[in-house]
Amino acid sequence: MKPLPIEVRSLACERDQRELFTAMSFDLQAGEVLQVAGPNGSGKTSLLRILAGLLPAVAGDVHYGGATVFSGRGRERWRQNRLFIGHAPAVKANLTAEENLSWLCALSQPVAAQQIAAALEQVGLRGFEDVPCHTLSAGQQRRVALARLYLEAHPVWILDEPFTAIDKAGVAALEQHIQAHAADGGTVILTTHHSLEHLEGVRCLDLGQVA
């Protein structure tokens, strides 16, 4: 899928009747990586969920390739082009790593068992394909979720704390994969408390400085 520009216009968010941010506007071009920063409670996860189309905004709009992502054909195109991985691994405990990925990918584009095995190897889970996820560590369950980044051809990645529970080698590998995705024209929006040592040209949006 061809990467397209993202335009955020006058976005506002409230939670529990408290305003988190208002009149937020920014643009993202293909090939850019945006880190959303800010103190706890500033709305980082809420912003990512709004951008992913999983949470309604109080005001404003998001456009992808010139069309709103909140309704109509633009919403469907956005759903097909963006991949959201939340803070929680979102894997089913009683399913194996392979079964989880097969089920998750089937929502957009079915993948073969060989592809899943290759993706799990990329995230350091070779040999764990048929292991129930409830027996895996928190870091291993996170890696199962992140294996989707090697399987689904979405040009836009929206990642909420993707480095949580990942060891140093896993962090470096994920940073390099994000860098390669951006180099290929992909767009990445992420939150993280991790210092991004292996990523170049990262833009930062600090919600602590957004009125």
N, C-alpha and C. Protein backbone atom coordinates (compact mmCIF):
# COMPACT_ATOMS: atom_id res chain seq x y z
N MET A 1 0.83 -1.19 0.00
CA MET A 1 0.00 0.00 0.00
C MET A 1 0.88 1.25 0.00
N LYS A 2 0.48 2.23 -0.78
CA LYS A 2 1.26 3.45 -0.89
C LYS A 2 1.09 4.33 0.34
N PRO A 3 2.21 4.74 0.98
CA PRO A 3 2.11 5.64 2.13
C PRO A 3 1.56 7.00 1.71
N LEU A 4 0.73 7.58 2.56
CA LEU A 4 0.12 8.87 2.30
C LEU A 4 0.33 9.79 3.49
N PRO A 5 0.25 11.12 3.29
CA PRO A 5 0.44 12.04 4.41
C PRO A 5 -0.71 11.98 5.42
N ILE A 6 -0.37 12.24 6.68
CA ILE A 6 -1.35 12.29 7.77
C ILE A 6 -1.45 13.73 8.24
N GLU A 7 -2.67 14.22 8.35
CA GLU A 7 -2.90 15.60 8.80
C GLU A 7 -3.82 15.58 10.01
N VAL A 8 -3.35 16.10 11.13
CA VAL A 8 -4.15 16.20 12.35
C VAL A 8 -4.52 17.66 12.53
N ARG A 9 -5.83 17.91 12.68
CA ARG A 9 -6.31 19.29 12.71
C ARG A 9 -7.20 19.54 13.93
N SER A 10 -6.74 20.44 14.80
CA SER A 10 -7.53 20.96 15.94
C SER A 10 -8.11 19.84 16.80
N LEU A 11 -7.32 18.83 17.06
CA LEU A 11 -7.80 17.67 17.81
C LEU A 11 -7.91 18.01 19.30
N ALA A 12 -8.98 17.56 19.92
CA ALA A 12 -9.19 17.77 21.35
C ALA A 12 -9.65 16.47 21.99
N CYS A 13 -9.24 16.26 23.26
CA CYS A 13 -9.56 15.02 23.95
C CYS A 13 -9.90 15.32 25.41
N GLU A 14 -10.93 14.65 25.91
CA GLU A 14 -11.29 14.72 27.32
C GLU A 14 -11.37 13.31 27.89
N ARG A 15 -11.04 13.19 29.18
CA ARG A 15 -11.19 11.92 29.87
C ARG A 15 -11.68 12.19 31.28
N ASP A 16 -12.76 11.54 31.64
CA ASP A 16 -13.36 11.76 32.96
C ASP A 16 -13.63 13.24 33.20
N GLN A 17 -14.18 13.89 32.17
CA GLN A 17 -14.56 15.30 32.19
C GLN A 17 -13.35 16.23 32.44
N ARG A 18 -12.17 15.73 32.14
CA ARG A 18 -10.96 16.54 32.25
C ARG A 18 -10.33 16.69 30.88
N GLU A 19 -10.04 17.92 30.49
CA GLU A 19 -9.44 18.17 29.18
C GLU A 19 -7.97 17.77 29.20
N LEU A 20 -7.60 16.87 28.28
CA LEU A 20 -6.21 16.42 28.20
C LEU A 20 -5.41 17.30 27.24
N PHE A 21 -5.99 17.57 26.08
CA PHE A 21 -5.34 18.49 25.12
C PHE A 21 -6.42 19.05 24.21
N THR A 22 -6.11 20.17 23.59
CA THR A 22 -7.05 20.82 22.70
C THR A 22 -6.32 21.53 21.58
N ALA A 23 -7.00 21.72 20.46
CA ALA A 23 -6.46 22.44 19.30
C ALA A 23 -5.10 21.88 18.86
N MET A 24 -4.96 20.56 18.91
CA MET A 24 -3.70 19.93 18.49
C MET A 24 -3.68 19.75 16.98
N SER A 25 -2.64 20.24 16.34
CA SER A 25 -2.50 20.10 14.89
C SER A 25 -1.06 19.76 14.55
N PHE A 26 -0.88 18.79 13.64
CA PHE A 26 0.45 18.48 13.13
C PHE A 26 0.29 17.65 11.86
N ASP A 27 1.36 17.62 11.07
CA ASP A 27 1.39 16.84 9.83
C ASP A 27 2.50 15.79 9.92
N LEU A 28 2.27 14.67 9.27
CA LEU A 28 3.29 13.63 9.16
C LEU A 28 3.37 13.19 7.71
N GLN A 29 4.58 13.16 7.19
CA GLN A 29 4.80 12.69 5.84
C GLN A 29 5.29 11.25 5.86
N ALA A 30 5.16 10.59 4.73
CA ALA A 30 5.68 9.23 4.61
C ALA A 30 7.16 9.21 4.95
N GLY A 31 7.57 8.21 5.72
CA GLY A 31 8.97 8.07 6.10
C GLY A 31 9.33 8.73 7.42
N GLU A 32 8.36 9.33 8.09
CA GLU A 32 8.65 10.01 9.36
C GLU A 32 8.31 9.13 10.56
N VAL A 33 9.07 9.35 11.64
CA VAL A 33 8.81 8.70 12.92
C VAL A 33 8.50 9.79 13.94
N LEU A 34 7.35 9.69 14.60
CA LEU A 34 6.94 10.67 15.59
C LEU A 34 6.84 10.01 16.96
N GLN A 35 7.58 10.53 17.93
CA GLN A 35 7.48 10.07 19.30
C GLN A 35 6.56 11.01 20.08
N VAL A 36 5.49 10.46 20.64
CA VAL A 36 4.58 11.24 21.47
C VAL A 36 5.06 11.12 22.91
N ALA A 37 5.44 12.26 23.50
CA ALA A 37 5.98 12.29 24.85
C ALA A 37 5.07 13.10 25.76
N GLY A 38 5.42 13.11 27.05
CA GLY A 38 4.65 13.89 28.01
C GLY A 38 4.52 13.15 29.32
N PRO A 39 4.16 13.84 30.39
CA PRO A 39 4.01 13.20 31.70
C PRO A 39 2.84 12.24 31.74
N ASN A 40 2.81 11.38 32.75
CA ASN A 40 1.70 10.45 32.91
C ASN A 40 0.39 11.23 33.02
N GLY A 41 -0.62 10.75 32.32
CA GLY A 41 -1.92 11.41 32.36
C GLY A 41 -2.09 12.55 31.39
N SER A 42 -1.09 12.78 30.54
CA SER A 42 -1.18 13.91 29.59
C SER A 42 -1.96 13.55 28.33
N GLY A 43 -2.26 12.26 28.15
CA GLY A 43 -3.09 11.87 27.02
C GLY A 43 -2.37 11.14 25.91
N LYS A 44 -1.19 10.58 26.17
CA LYS A 44 -0.43 9.92 25.12
C LYS A 44 -1.19 8.73 24.53
N THR A 45 -1.63 7.83 25.40
CA THR A 45 -2.37 6.67 24.92
C THR A 45 -3.69 7.08 24.29
N SER A 46 -4.36 8.06 24.89
CA SER A 46 -5.63 8.54 24.32
C SER A 46 -5.43 9.07 22.90
N LEU A 47 -4.34 9.83 22.69
CA LEU A 47 -4.05 10.35 21.36
C LEU A 47 -3.85 9.21 20.38
N LEU A 48 -3.07 8.22 20.75
CA LEU A 48 -2.82 7.10 19.84
C LEU A 48 -4.11 6.35 19.53
N ARG A 49 -4.98 6.19 20.51
CA ARG A 49 -6.23 5.48 20.28
C ARG A 49 -7.17 6.30 19.40
N ILE A 50 -7.13 7.63 19.54
CA ILE A 50 -7.92 8.48 18.64
C ILE A 50 -7.41 8.34 17.22
N LEU A 51 -6.08 8.41 17.06
CA LEU A 51 -5.49 8.30 15.73
C LEU A 51 -5.80 6.94 15.11
N ALA A 52 -5.86 5.91 15.93
CA ALA A 52 -6.14 4.57 15.43
C ALA A 52 -7.62 4.37 15.13
N GLY A 53 -8.46 5.33 15.52
CA GLY A 53 -9.89 5.20 15.30
C GLY A 53 -10.60 4.38 16.35
N LEU A 54 -9.97 4.22 17.51
CA LEU A 54 -10.54 3.39 18.58
C LEU A 54 -11.17 4.21 19.69
N LEU A 55 -11.00 5.52 19.65
CA LEU A 55 -11.52 6.42 20.67
C LEU A 55 -12.00 7.69 19.99
N PRO A 56 -13.20 8.17 20.30
CA PRO A 56 -13.69 9.39 19.65
C PRO A 56 -12.98 10.63 20.18
N ALA A 57 -12.76 11.59 19.31
CA ALA A 57 -12.21 12.88 19.72
C ALA A 57 -13.36 13.82 20.09
N VAL A 58 -13.10 14.73 21.02
CA VAL A 58 -14.09 15.72 21.39
C VAL A 58 -14.29 16.71 20.25
N ALA A 59 -13.20 17.04 19.57
CA ALA A 59 -13.25 17.97 18.45
C ALA A 59 -12.07 17.69 17.53
N GLY A 60 -12.14 18.22 16.32
CA GLY A 60 -11.05 18.10 15.38
C GLY A 60 -11.21 16.93 14.43
N ASP A 61 -10.20 16.72 13.61
CA ASP A 61 -10.27 15.67 12.60
C ASP A 61 -8.87 15.18 12.27
N VAL A 62 -8.82 14.01 11.70
CA VAL A 62 -7.57 13.42 11.21
C VAL A 62 -7.81 13.03 9.76
N HIS A 63 -6.90 13.45 8.88
CA HIS A 63 -7.02 13.13 7.46
C HIS A 63 -5.84 12.26 7.03
N TYR A 64 -6.14 11.26 6.21
CA TYR A 64 -5.11 10.41 5.62
C TYR A 64 -5.26 10.47 4.12
N GLY A 65 -4.25 11.01 3.47
CA GLY A 65 -4.34 11.19 2.02
C GLY A 65 -5.46 12.14 1.63
N GLY A 66 -5.78 13.09 2.52
CA GLY A 66 -6.78 14.10 2.22
C GLY A 66 -8.20 13.76 2.64
N ALA A 67 -8.44 12.53 3.10
CA ALA A 67 -9.79 12.11 3.50
C ALA A 67 -9.85 11.86 5.00
N THR A 68 -10.96 12.23 5.64
CA THR A 68 -11.12 12.01 7.07
C THR A 68 -11.05 10.52 7.39
N VAL A 69 -10.47 10.20 8.54
CA VAL A 69 -10.38 8.79 8.96
C VAL A 69 -11.52 8.42 9.90
N PHE A 70 -12.39 9.39 10.18
CA PHE A 70 -13.44 9.17 11.17
C PHE A 70 -14.76 8.67 10.57
N SER A 71 -14.89 8.68 9.25
CA SER A 71 -16.14 8.24 8.66
C SER A 71 -15.95 7.89 7.18
N GLY A 72 -16.95 7.20 6.63
CA GLY A 72 -16.99 6.93 5.20
C GLY A 72 -15.85 6.09 4.67
N ARG A 73 -15.54 6.31 3.39
CA ARG A 73 -14.49 5.53 2.73
C ARG A 73 -13.12 5.81 3.32
N GLY A 74 -12.93 7.04 3.81
CA GLY A 74 -11.64 7.37 4.41
C GLY A 74 -11.37 6.53 5.64
N ARG A 75 -12.41 6.25 6.41
CA ARG A 75 -12.25 5.41 7.60
C ARG A 75 -11.81 4.00 7.22
N GLU A 76 -12.43 3.43 6.19
CA GLU A 76 -12.08 2.09 5.77
C GLU A 76 -10.66 2.04 5.20
N ARG A 77 -10.29 3.05 4.41
CA ARG A 77 -8.93 3.07 3.88
C ARG A 77 -7.91 3.17 5.01
N TRP A 78 -8.23 3.99 6.01
CA TRP A 78 -7.33 4.14 7.16
C TRP A 78 -7.20 2.82 7.90
N ARG A 79 -8.31 2.12 8.12
CA ARG A 79 -8.27 0.83 8.81
C ARG A 79 -7.37 -0.16 8.07
N GLN A 80 -7.39 -0.11 6.75
CA GLN A 80 -6.59 -1.03 5.96
C GLN A 80 -5.11 -0.65 5.93
N ASN A 81 -4.81 0.61 6.22
CA ASN A 81 -3.44 1.09 6.09
C ASN A 81 -2.70 1.25 7.42
N ARG A 82 -3.41 1.22 8.53
CA ARG A 82 -2.74 1.42 9.81
C ARG A 82 -2.75 0.14 10.64
N LEU A 83 -1.67 -0.04 11.39
CA LEU A 83 -1.55 -1.17 12.32
C LEU A 83 -1.35 -0.59 13.71
N PHE A 84 -2.25 -0.91 14.63
CA PHE A 84 -2.16 -0.43 16.01
C PHE A 84 -1.78 -1.58 16.92
N ILE A 85 -0.73 -1.38 17.72
CA ILE A 85 -0.37 -2.33 18.76
C ILE A 85 -0.35 -1.56 20.07
N GLY A 86 -1.27 -1.92 20.97
CA GLY A 86 -1.44 -1.19 22.21
C GLY A 86 -0.43 -1.55 23.28
N HIS A 87 -0.59 -0.89 24.43
CA HIS A 87 0.33 -1.11 25.56
C HIS A 87 0.25 -2.55 26.07
N ALA A 88 -0.95 -3.12 26.10
CA ALA A 88 -1.11 -4.52 26.49
C ALA A 88 -0.84 -5.42 25.29
N PRO A 89 -0.24 -6.60 25.50
CA PRO A 89 0.08 -7.47 24.37
C PRO A 89 -1.13 -7.88 23.55
N ALA A 90 -2.30 -7.99 24.20
CA ALA A 90 -3.55 -8.35 23.49
C ALA A 90 -3.46 -9.70 22.80
N VAL A 91 -2.82 -10.66 23.48
CA VAL A 91 -2.80 -12.03 22.96
C VAL A 91 -3.69 -12.88 23.86
N LYS A 92 -4.32 -13.88 23.26
CA LYS A 92 -5.19 -14.77 24.01
C LYS A 92 -4.35 -15.84 24.70
N ALA A 93 -4.51 -15.92 26.02
CA ALA A 93 -3.63 -16.75 26.84
C ALA A 93 -3.66 -18.23 26.48
N ASN A 94 -4.82 -18.75 26.09
CA ASN A 94 -4.95 -20.18 25.83
C ASN A 94 -4.56 -20.58 24.41
N LEU A 95 -4.31 -19.59 23.55
CA LEU A 95 -3.87 -19.88 22.20
C LEU A 95 -2.35 -19.89 22.13
N THR A 96 -1.80 -20.62 21.18
CA THR A 96 -0.37 -20.60 20.96
C THR A 96 0.04 -19.31 20.28
N ALA A 97 1.34 -19.07 20.20
CA ALA A 97 1.84 -17.89 19.51
C ALA A 97 1.39 -17.91 18.05
N GLU A 98 1.50 -19.06 17.41
CA GLU A 98 1.09 -19.18 16.00
C GLU A 98 -0.40 -18.94 15.85
N GLU A 99 -1.21 -19.50 16.73
CA GLU A 99 -2.66 -19.33 16.64
C GLU A 99 -3.06 -17.87 16.85
N ASN A 100 -2.40 -17.20 17.80
CA ASN A 100 -2.69 -15.79 18.03
C ASN A 100 -2.41 -14.95 16.79
N LEU A 101 -1.26 -15.16 16.19
CA LEU A 101 -0.89 -14.37 15.02
C LEU A 101 -1.77 -14.70 13.82
N SER A 102 -2.12 -15.96 13.67
CA SER A 102 -3.00 -16.35 12.58
C SER A 102 -4.35 -15.67 12.72
N TRP A 103 -4.87 -15.64 13.94
CA TRP A 103 -6.17 -15.02 14.19
C TRP A 103 -6.11 -13.51 14.00
N LEU A 104 -5.07 -12.87 14.54
CA LEU A 104 -4.95 -11.42 14.43
C LEU A 104 -4.78 -10.97 12.98
N CYS A 105 -3.94 -11.67 12.25
CA CYS A 105 -3.68 -11.29 10.86
C CYS A 105 -4.87 -11.57 9.96
N ALA A 106 -5.67 -12.57 10.30
CA ALA A 106 -6.84 -12.91 9.48
C ALA A 106 -7.84 -11.78 9.44
N LEU A 107 -7.77 -10.85 10.41
CA LEU A 107 -8.68 -9.71 10.43
C LEU A 107 -8.41 -8.77 9.26
N SER A 108 -7.17 -8.82 8.72
CA SER A 108 -6.85 -7.94 7.59
C SER A 108 -6.33 -8.71 6.39
N GLN A 109 -5.36 -9.61 6.62
CA GLN A 109 -4.79 -10.37 5.51
C GLN A 109 -4.24 -11.69 6.03
N PRO A 110 -4.87 -12.81 5.70
CA PRO A 110 -4.41 -14.12 6.18
C PRO A 110 -2.95 -14.38 5.79
N VAL A 111 -2.23 -15.07 6.67
CA VAL A 111 -0.83 -15.38 6.41
C VAL A 111 -0.61 -16.87 6.62
N ALA A 112 0.41 -17.40 5.96
CA ALA A 112 0.72 -18.82 6.05
C ALA A 112 1.52 -19.12 7.31
N ALA A 113 1.48 -20.39 7.70
CA ALA A 113 2.21 -20.81 8.90
C ALA A 113 3.70 -20.56 8.75
N GLN A 114 4.24 -20.71 7.54
CA GLN A 114 5.67 -20.48 7.32
C GLN A 114 6.03 -19.00 7.56
N GLN A 115 5.12 -18.11 7.17
CA GLN A 115 5.35 -16.68 7.40
C GLN A 115 5.34 -16.36 8.89
N ILE A 116 4.42 -16.98 9.61
CA ILE A 116 4.33 -16.75 11.05
C ILE A 116 5.59 -17.27 11.74
N ALA A 117 6.05 -18.44 11.33
CA ALA A 117 7.28 -19.00 11.92
C ALA A 117 8.46 -18.07 11.68
N ALA A 118 8.55 -17.50 10.48
CA ALA A 118 9.64 -16.59 10.16
C ALA A 118 9.55 -15.32 10.99
N ALA A 119 8.34 -14.80 11.20
CA ALA A 119 8.16 -13.60 12.00
C ALA A 119 8.52 -13.85 13.45
N LEU A 120 8.13 -15.00 13.98
CA LEU A 120 8.47 -15.32 15.37
C LEU A 120 9.98 -15.49 15.53
N GLU A 121 10.62 -16.00 14.51
CA GLU A 121 12.08 -16.10 14.56
C GLU A 121 12.70 -14.70 14.59
N GLN A 122 12.13 -13.77 13.84
CA GLN A 122 12.64 -12.40 13.81
C GLN A 122 12.60 -11.75 15.19
N VAL A 123 11.59 -12.10 15.99
CA VAL A 123 11.46 -11.48 17.32
C VAL A 123 12.04 -12.37 18.41
N GLY A 124 12.79 -13.40 18.03
CA GLY A 124 13.49 -14.22 19.01
C GLY A 124 12.64 -15.30 19.65
N LEU A 125 11.59 -15.76 18.97
CA LEU A 125 10.71 -16.78 19.53
C LEU A 125 10.70 -18.07 18.71
N ARG A 126 11.80 -18.34 18.04
CA ARG A 126 11.89 -19.60 17.32
C ARG A 126 11.79 -20.76 18.31
N GLY A 127 10.95 -21.74 17.99
CA GLY A 127 10.74 -22.87 18.88
C GLY A 127 9.56 -22.69 19.83
N PHE A 128 8.98 -21.48 19.83
CA PHE A 128 7.83 -21.20 20.70
C PHE A 128 6.52 -21.10 19.90
N GLU A 129 6.54 -21.53 18.65
CA GLU A 129 5.38 -21.37 17.79
C GLU A 129 4.13 -22.06 18.35
N ASP A 130 4.30 -23.24 18.94
CA ASP A 130 3.15 -24.02 19.40
C ASP A 130 3.00 -24.02 20.91
N VAL A 131 3.60 -23.01 21.55
CA VAL A 131 3.52 -22.91 23.01
C VAL A 131 2.36 -22.00 23.42
N PRO A 132 1.47 -22.44 24.32
CA PRO A 132 0.38 -21.57 24.77
C PRO A 132 0.93 -20.29 25.39
N CYS A 133 0.32 -19.19 25.07
CA CYS A 133 0.88 -17.89 25.49
C CYS A 133 0.83 -17.68 27.00
N HIS A 134 -0.04 -18.40 27.71
CA HIS A 134 -0.08 -18.21 29.16
C HIS A 134 1.18 -18.75 29.84
N THR A 135 1.94 -19.56 29.12
CA THR A 135 3.20 -20.08 29.68
C THR A 135 4.39 -19.18 29.36
N LEU A 136 4.18 -18.17 28.55
CA LEU A 136 5.27 -17.27 28.15
C LEU A 136 5.43 -16.13 29.15
N SER A 137 6.62 -15.58 29.22
CA SER A 137 6.87 -14.42 30.07
C SER A 137 6.20 -13.18 29.47
N ALA A 138 6.16 -12.10 30.25
CA ALA A 138 5.56 -10.85 29.76
C ALA A 138 6.30 -10.35 28.53
N GLY A 139 7.62 -10.46 28.56
CA GLY A 139 8.41 -10.02 27.41
C GLY A 139 8.16 -10.87 26.18
N GLN A 140 8.00 -12.17 26.37
CA GLN A 140 7.74 -13.06 25.24
C GLN A 140 6.35 -12.80 24.66
N GLN A 141 5.37 -12.53 25.52
CA GLN A 141 4.04 -12.20 25.01
C GLN A 141 4.07 -10.89 24.22
N ARG A 142 4.86 -9.94 24.69
CA ARG A 142 5.02 -8.69 23.94
C ARG A 142 5.62 -8.99 22.57
N ARG A 143 6.58 -9.89 22.50
CA ARG A 143 7.23 -10.23 21.23
C ARG A 143 6.23 -10.89 20.27
N VAL A 144 5.30 -11.68 20.80
CA VAL A 144 4.27 -12.27 19.95
C VAL A 144 3.48 -11.17 19.26
N ALA A 145 3.08 -10.16 20.03
CA ALA A 145 2.33 -9.04 19.45
C ALA A 145 3.16 -8.30 18.42
N LEU A 146 4.43 -8.07 18.74
CA LEU A 146 5.30 -7.32 17.84
C LEU A 146 5.64 -8.08 16.56
N ALA A 147 5.47 -9.39 16.58
CA ALA A 147 5.71 -10.17 15.37
C ALA A 147 4.80 -9.74 14.23
N ARG A 148 3.68 -9.08 14.56
CA ARG A 148 2.78 -8.58 13.52
C ARG A 148 3.48 -7.55 12.63
N LEU A 149 4.48 -6.87 13.18
CA LEU A 149 5.21 -5.87 12.39
C LEU A 149 6.00 -6.51 11.26
N TYR A 150 6.21 -7.82 11.34
CA TYR A 150 6.93 -8.54 10.30
C TYR A 150 5.97 -9.29 9.37
N LEU A 151 4.67 -9.18 9.63
CA LEU A 151 3.70 -9.95 8.88
C LEU A 151 2.72 -9.11 8.07
N GLU A 152 2.31 -7.98 8.61
CA GLU A 152 1.24 -7.21 7.99
C GLU A 152 1.81 -5.98 7.29
N ALA A 153 1.45 -5.81 6.03
CA ALA A 153 2.04 -4.76 5.19
C ALA A 153 1.27 -3.44 5.32
N HIS A 154 1.19 -2.92 6.53
CA HIS A 154 0.54 -1.63 6.75
C HIS A 154 1.59 -0.53 6.71
N PRO A 155 1.37 0.54 5.95
CA PRO A 155 2.37 1.62 5.88
C PRO A 155 2.45 2.47 7.14
N VAL A 156 1.38 2.48 7.95
CA VAL A 156 1.38 3.31 9.16
C VAL A 156 1.34 2.40 10.39
N TRP A 157 2.32 2.58 11.28
CA TRP A 157 2.35 1.84 12.54
C TRP A 157 2.06 2.81 13.68
N ILE A 158 1.12 2.44 14.55
CA ILE A 158 0.81 3.21 15.75
C ILE A 158 1.11 2.29 16.93
N LEU A 159 2.14 2.63 17.71
CA LEU A 159 2.67 1.71 18.71
C LEU A 159 2.70 2.38 20.09
N ASP A 160 2.00 1.79 21.04
CA ASP A 160 1.94 2.32 22.40
C ASP A 160 2.88 1.53 23.29
N GLU A 161 3.98 2.17 23.69
CA GLU A 161 5.00 1.55 24.54
C GLU A 161 5.45 0.19 24.01
N PRO A 162 5.94 0.13 22.78
CA PRO A 162 6.30 -1.16 22.19
C PRO A 162 7.50 -1.83 22.84
N PHE A 163 8.32 -1.08 23.59
CA PHE A 163 9.54 -1.65 24.16
C PHE A 163 9.33 -2.21 25.56
N THR A 164 8.11 -2.15 26.08
CA THR A 164 7.83 -2.64 27.43
C THR A 164 8.19 -4.12 27.56
N ALA A 165 8.94 -4.45 28.61
CA ALA A 165 9.32 -5.83 28.96
C ALA A 165 10.26 -6.49 27.96
N ILE A 166 10.81 -5.71 27.03
CA ILE A 166 11.73 -6.27 26.03
C ILE A 166 13.17 -6.07 26.50
N ASP A 167 14.02 -7.09 26.32
CA ASP A 167 15.41 -6.97 26.75
C ASP A 167 16.21 -6.09 25.77
N LYS A 168 17.46 -5.83 26.12
CA LYS A 168 18.28 -4.89 25.37
C LYS A 168 18.43 -5.29 23.91
N ALA A 169 18.66 -6.56 23.66
CA ALA A 169 18.83 -7.02 22.28
C ALA A 169 17.52 -6.86 21.51
N GLY A 170 16.41 -7.16 22.16
CA GLY A 170 15.11 -7.01 21.51
C GLY A 170 14.79 -5.56 21.20
N VAL A 171 15.17 -4.67 22.10
CA VAL A 171 14.96 -3.24 21.89
C VAL A 171 15.73 -2.76 20.66
N ALA A 172 16.99 -3.15 20.58
CA ALA A 172 17.83 -2.73 19.46
C ALA A 172 17.27 -3.26 18.13
N ALA A 173 16.82 -4.53 18.14
CA ALA A 173 16.27 -5.12 16.92
C ALA A 173 14.99 -4.41 16.49
N LEU A 174 14.15 -4.06 17.46
CA LEU A 174 12.90 -3.37 17.13
C LEU A 174 13.16 -1.96 16.61
N GLU A 175 14.11 -1.26 17.23
CA GLU A 175 14.47 0.07 16.74
C GLU A 175 14.96 0.00 15.30
N GLN A 176 15.78 -0.97 15.00
CA GLN A 176 16.30 -1.12 13.64
C GLN A 176 15.18 -1.45 12.66
N HIS A 177 14.20 -2.23 13.11
CA HIS A 177 13.07 -2.57 12.23
C HIS A 177 12.21 -1.34 11.97
N ILE A 178 12.01 -0.52 12.99
CA ILE A 178 11.27 0.72 12.82
C ILE A 178 12.01 1.65 11.86
N GLN A 179 13.33 1.74 12.02
CA GLN A 179 14.13 2.58 11.13
C GLN A 179 14.02 2.10 9.69
N ALA A 180 14.05 0.79 9.49
CA ALA A 180 13.94 0.24 8.13
C ALA A 180 12.57 0.52 7.54
N HIS A 181 11.54 0.43 8.37
CA HIS A 181 10.18 0.71 7.90
C HIS A 181 10.07 2.16 7.42
N ALA A 182 10.64 3.08 8.21
CA ALA A 182 10.62 4.49 7.83
C ALA A 182 11.43 4.73 6.56
N ALA A 183 12.57 4.05 6.45
CA ALA A 183 13.41 4.20 5.26
C ALA A 183 12.69 3.74 4.00
N ASP A 184 11.76 2.80 4.16
CA ASP A 184 10.97 2.30 3.03
C ASP A 184 9.75 3.17 2.75
N GLY A 185 9.61 4.27 3.49
CA GLY A 185 8.48 5.17 3.27
C GLY A 185 7.35 5.00 4.25
N GLY A 186 7.49 4.11 5.22
CA GLY A 186 6.45 3.92 6.22
C GLY A 186 6.45 5.04 7.25
N THR A 187 5.34 5.17 7.94
CA THR A 187 5.18 6.18 8.98
C THR A 187 4.97 5.49 10.32
N VAL A 188 5.61 6.00 11.37
CA VAL A 188 5.51 5.40 12.70
C VAL A 188 5.16 6.47 13.72
N ILE A 189 4.14 6.20 14.52
CA ILE A 189 3.77 7.07 15.64
C ILE A 189 3.85 6.19 16.89
N LEU A 190 4.65 6.59 17.86
CA LEU A 190 4.84 5.74 19.02
C LEU A 190 4.96 6.54 20.31
N THR A 191 4.67 5.88 21.41
CA THR A 191 4.98 6.40 22.73
C THR A 191 6.00 5.47 23.36
N THR A 192 6.90 6.03 24.12
CA THR A 192 7.88 5.21 24.83
C THR A 192 8.62 6.06 25.85
N HIS A 193 8.96 5.43 26.97
CA HIS A 193 9.83 6.06 27.96
C HIS A 193 11.28 5.66 27.72
N HIS A 194 11.49 4.86 26.69
CA HIS A 194 12.82 4.36 26.37
C HIS A 194 13.60 5.39 25.55
N SER A 195 14.88 5.47 25.79
CA SER A 195 15.75 6.34 25.01
C SER A 195 16.02 5.68 23.65
N LEU A 196 15.63 6.35 22.59
CA LEU A 196 15.72 5.77 21.25
C LEU A 196 17.13 5.97 20.69
N GLU A 197 18.02 5.03 21.03
CA GLU A 197 19.43 5.18 20.69
C GLU A 197 19.74 4.83 19.24
N HIS A 198 18.93 3.97 18.64
CA HIS A 198 19.25 3.48 17.30
C HIS A 198 18.34 4.07 16.22
N LEU A 199 17.53 5.05 16.58
CA LEU A 199 16.64 5.68 15.62
C LEU A 199 17.12 7.08 15.30
N GLU A 200 17.13 7.40 14.02
CA GLU A 200 17.59 8.72 13.59
C GLU A 200 16.41 9.54 13.07
N GLY A 201 16.49 10.85 13.28
CA GLY A 201 15.50 11.77 12.71
C GLY A 201 14.12 11.67 13.32
N VAL A 202 14.04 11.27 14.59
CA VAL A 202 12.75 11.12 15.24
C VAL A 202 12.21 12.50 15.65
N ARG A 203 10.99 12.80 15.26
CA ARG A 203 10.32 14.02 15.71
C ARG A 203 9.66 13.75 17.05
N CYS A 204 9.52 14.78 17.88
CA CYS A 204 8.91 14.62 19.18
C CYS A 204 7.73 15.57 19.34
N LEU A 205 6.62 15.02 19.79
CA LEU A 205 5.44 15.81 20.14
C LEU A 205 5.24 15.67 21.64
N ASP A 206 5.49 16.74 22.40
CA ASP A 206 5.41 16.71 23.85
C ASP A 206 4.03 17.22 24.28
N LEU A 207 3.20 16.30 24.78
CA LEU A 207 1.86 16.71 25.19
C LEU A 207 1.87 17.58 26.44
N GLY A 208 2.98 17.55 27.16
CA GLY A 208 3.10 18.43 28.31
C GLY A 208 3.21 19.89 27.92
N GLN A 209 3.47 20.14 26.63
CA GLN A 209 3.59 21.51 26.14
C GLN A 209 2.43 21.91 25.22
N VAL A 210 1.43 21.01 25.14
CA VAL A 210 0.26 21.30 24.30
C VAL A 210 -0.83 21.90 25.15
N ALA A 211 -1.34 23.07 24.78
CA ALA A 211 -2.36 23.73 25.58
C ALA A 211 -3.69 22.99 25.45
